[in-house]
Amino acid sequence: MDDGLHDNLVKRIRKLARRHGWSMNRTADAAGISRSGLSNIMRKTKSPTLDTVAKLAAAFEVSALELLAADDPAPAVQVPRLSKRSELLK
């Protein structure tokens, strides 16, 4: 798993666990994964499988995409219309 994606996952797990009032042990239990497995994910010593990501997402009642998403997504890039580009290049 890409380091940035893994960082996002760890941040989201922490944030969602806090929101639910769950410890990491409770989070692992709710997702049906081992506590050591979650610990390895959180310490970034192991990458989660897609099945594990899906289980965590289900426990938090979010989609897998939401679980992997950055909290602060990059701003949208705006591309000016062709008719406006000449004005910008002046």
C-alpha atoms as a PDB file:
ATOM      1  CA  MET A   1       0.000   0.000   0.000  1.00  0.00           C
ATOM      2  CA  ASP A   2       1.252   3.477  -0.875  1.00  0.00           C
ATOM      3  CA  ASP A   3       2.562   5.348   2.195  1.00  0.00           C
ATOM      4  CA  GLY A   4       0.186   8.271   1.657  1.00  0.00           C
ATOM      5  CA  LEU A   5      -2.792   5.954   1.339  1.00  0.00           C
ATOM      6  CA  HIS A   6      -1.733   4.046   4.453  1.00  0.00           C
ATOM      7  CA  ASP A   7      -1.326   7.340   6.352  1.00  0.00           C
ATOM      8  CA  ASN A   8      -4.859   8.343   5.296  1.00  0.00           C
ATOM      9  CA  LEU A   9      -6.232   5.003   6.438  1.00  0.00           C
ATOM     10  CA  VAL A  10      -4.598   5.236   9.864  1.00  0.00           C
ATOM     11  CA  LYS A  11      -5.852   8.806  10.361  1.00  0.00           C
ATOM     12  CA  ARG A  12      -9.394   7.860   9.346  1.00  0.00           C
ATOM     13  CA  ILE A  13      -9.439   4.791  11.600  1.00  0.00           C
ATOM     14  CA  ARG A  14      -8.337   6.917  14.556  1.00  0.00           C
ATOM     15  CA  LYS A  15     -10.869   9.631  13.757  1.00  0.00           C
ATOM     16  CA  LEU A  16     -13.767   7.235  13.261  1.00  0.00           C
ATOM     17  CA  ALA A  17     -12.868   5.200  16.352  1.00  0.00           C
ATOM     18  CA  ARG A  18     -12.881   8.400  18.433  1.00  0.00           C
ATOM     19  CA  ARG A  19     -16.213   9.408  16.919  1.00  0.00           C
ATOM     20  CA  HIS A  20     -17.686   6.039  17.940  1.00  0.00           C
ATOM     21  CA  GLY A  21     -15.997   6.160  21.354  1.00  0.00           C
ATOM     22  CA  TRP A  22     -14.114   2.958  20.548  1.00  0.00           C
ATOM     23  CA  SER A  23     -10.689   1.791  21.672  1.00  0.00           C
ATOM     24  CA  MET A  24      -8.502   0.042  19.104  1.00  0.00           C
ATOM     25  CA  ASN A  25      -9.453  -3.293  20.709  1.00  0.00           C
ATOM     26  CA  ARG A  26     -13.148  -2.463  20.343  1.00  0.00           C
ATOM     27  CA  THR A  27     -12.545  -1.364  16.751  1.00  0.00           C
ATOM     28  CA  ALA A  28     -10.867  -4.666  15.904  1.00  0.00           C
ATOM     29  CA  ASP A  29     -13.688  -6.608  17.555  1.00  0.00           C
ATOM     30  CA  ALA A  30     -16.372  -4.599  15.715  1.00  0.00           C
ATOM     31  CA  ALA A  31     -14.635  -5.220  12.387  1.00  0.00           C
ATOM     32  CA  GLY A  32     -14.072  -8.898  13.088  1.00  0.00           C
ATOM     33  CA  ILE A  33     -10.317  -8.656  12.657  1.00  0.00           C
ATOM     34  CA  SER A  34      -7.536  -9.586  15.036  1.00  0.00           C
ATOM     35  CA  ARG A  35      -6.274  -7.007  17.473  1.00  0.00           C
ATOM     36  CA  SER A  36      -2.703  -7.711  16.405  1.00  0.00           C
ATOM     37  CA  GLY A  37      -3.712  -7.244  12.770  1.00  0.00           C
ATOM     38  CA  LEU A  38      -5.194  -3.832  13.512  1.00  0.00           C
ATOM     39  CA  SER A  39      -2.134  -2.943  15.560  1.00  0.00           C
ATOM     40  CA  ASN A  40       0.110  -3.833  12.607  1.00  0.00           C
ATOM     41  CA  ILE A  41      -1.991  -1.655  10.302  1.00  0.00           C
ATOM     42  CA  MET A  42      -1.902   1.249  12.748  1.00  0.00           C
ATOM     43  CA  ARG A  43       1.869   0.974  13.194  1.00  0.00           C
ATOM     44  CA  LYS A  44       2.228   0.612   9.408  1.00  0.00           C
ATOM     45  CA  THR A  45       4.203  -2.614   9.709  1.00  0.00           C
ATOM     46  CA  LYS A  46       1.654  -4.449   7.537  1.00  0.00           C
ATOM     47  CA  SER A  47      -0.663  -3.325   4.788  1.00  0.00           C
ATOM     48  CA  PRO A  48      -4.307  -4.321   5.102  1.00  0.00           C
ATOM     49  CA  THR A  49      -5.976  -6.600   2.609  1.00  0.00           C
ATOM     50  CA  LEU A  50      -8.976  -5.350   0.680  1.00  0.00           C
ATOM     51  CA  ASP A  51     -11.117  -7.660   2.811  1.00  0.00           C
ATOM     52  CA  THR A  52      -9.789  -6.001   5.987  1.00  0.00           C
ATOM     53  CA  VAL A  53     -10.472  -2.516   4.620  1.00  0.00           C
ATOM     54  CA  ALA A  54     -14.011  -3.631   3.757  1.00  0.00           C
ATOM     55  CA  LYS A  55     -14.544  -5.036   7.278  1.00  0.00           C
ATOM     56  CA  LEU A  56     -13.294  -1.837   8.898  1.00  0.00           C
ATOM     57  CA  ALA A  57     -15.497   0.273   6.635  1.00  0.00           C
ATOM     58  CA  ALA A  58     -18.540  -1.845   7.480  1.00  0.00           C
ATOM     59  CA  ALA A  59     -17.829  -1.544  11.212  1.00  0.00           C
ATOM     60  CA  PHE A  60     -17.720   2.252  10.894  1.00  0.00           C
ATOM     61  CA  GLU A  61     -20.691   2.273   8.492  1.00  0.00           C
ATOM     62  CA  VAL A  62     -18.763   4.096   5.767  1.00  0.00           C
ATOM     63  CA  SER A  63     -17.662   3.032   2.307  1.00  0.00           C
ATOM     64  CA  ALA A  64     -14.171   1.679   1.722  1.00  0.00           C
ATOM     65  CA  LEU A  65     -13.491   4.790  -0.381  1.00  0.00           C
ATOM     66  CA  GLU A  66     -14.468   7.048   2.519  1.00  0.00           C
ATOM     67  CA  LEU A  67     -12.194   5.080   4.822  1.00  0.00           C
ATOM     68  CA  LEU A  68      -9.231   5.515   2.480  1.00  0.00           C
ATOM     69  CA  ALA A  69      -9.920   9.141   1.560  1.00  0.00           C
ATOM     70  CA  ALA A  70      -7.834  12.016   2.831  1.00  0.00           C
ATOM     71  CA  ASP A  71      -9.548  14.269   5.364  1.00  0.00           C
ATOM     72  CA  ASP A  72      -8.491  17.346   3.421  1.00  0.00           C
ATOM     73  CA  PRO A  73      -8.834  16.481  -0.251  1.00  0.00           C
ATOM     74  CA  ALA A  74      -6.836  18.521  -2.710  1.00  0.00           C
ATOM     75  CA  PRO A  75      -8.764  21.490  -4.077  1.00  0.00           C
ATOM     76  CA  ALA A  76     -10.414  21.003  -7.426  1.00  0.00           C
ATOM     77  CA  VAL A  77      -8.465  22.246 -10.401  1.00  0.00           C
ATOM     78  CA  GLN A  78     -10.331  24.726 -12.525  1.00  0.00           C
ATOM     79  CA  VAL A  79      -9.600  24.844 -16.227  1.00  0.00           C
ATOM     80  CA  PRO A  80     -10.732  28.031 -17.929  1.00  0.00           C
ATOM     81  CA  ARG A  81     -12.757  27.862 -21.114  1.00  0.00           C
ATOM     82  CA  LEU A  82     -10.831  28.225 -24.323  1.00  0.00           C
ATOM     83  CA  SER A  83     -12.388  31.661 -24.907  1.00  0.00           C
ATOM     84  CA  LYS A  84     -11.038  32.862 -21.523  1.00  0.00           C
ATOM     85  CA  ARG A  85      -7.534  31.428 -21.880  1.00  0.00           C
ATOM     86  CA  SER A  86      -6.318  34.190 -24.158  1.00  0.00           C
ATOM     87  CA  GLU A  87      -7.270  36.734 -21.507  1.00  0.00           C
ATOM     88  CA  LEU A  88      -5.281  34.838 -18.889  1.00  0.00           C
ATOM     89  CA  LEU A  89      -2.193  34.668 -21.074  1.00  0.00           C
ATOM     90  CA  LYS A  90      -1.951  38.454 -21.545  1.00  0.00           C
END
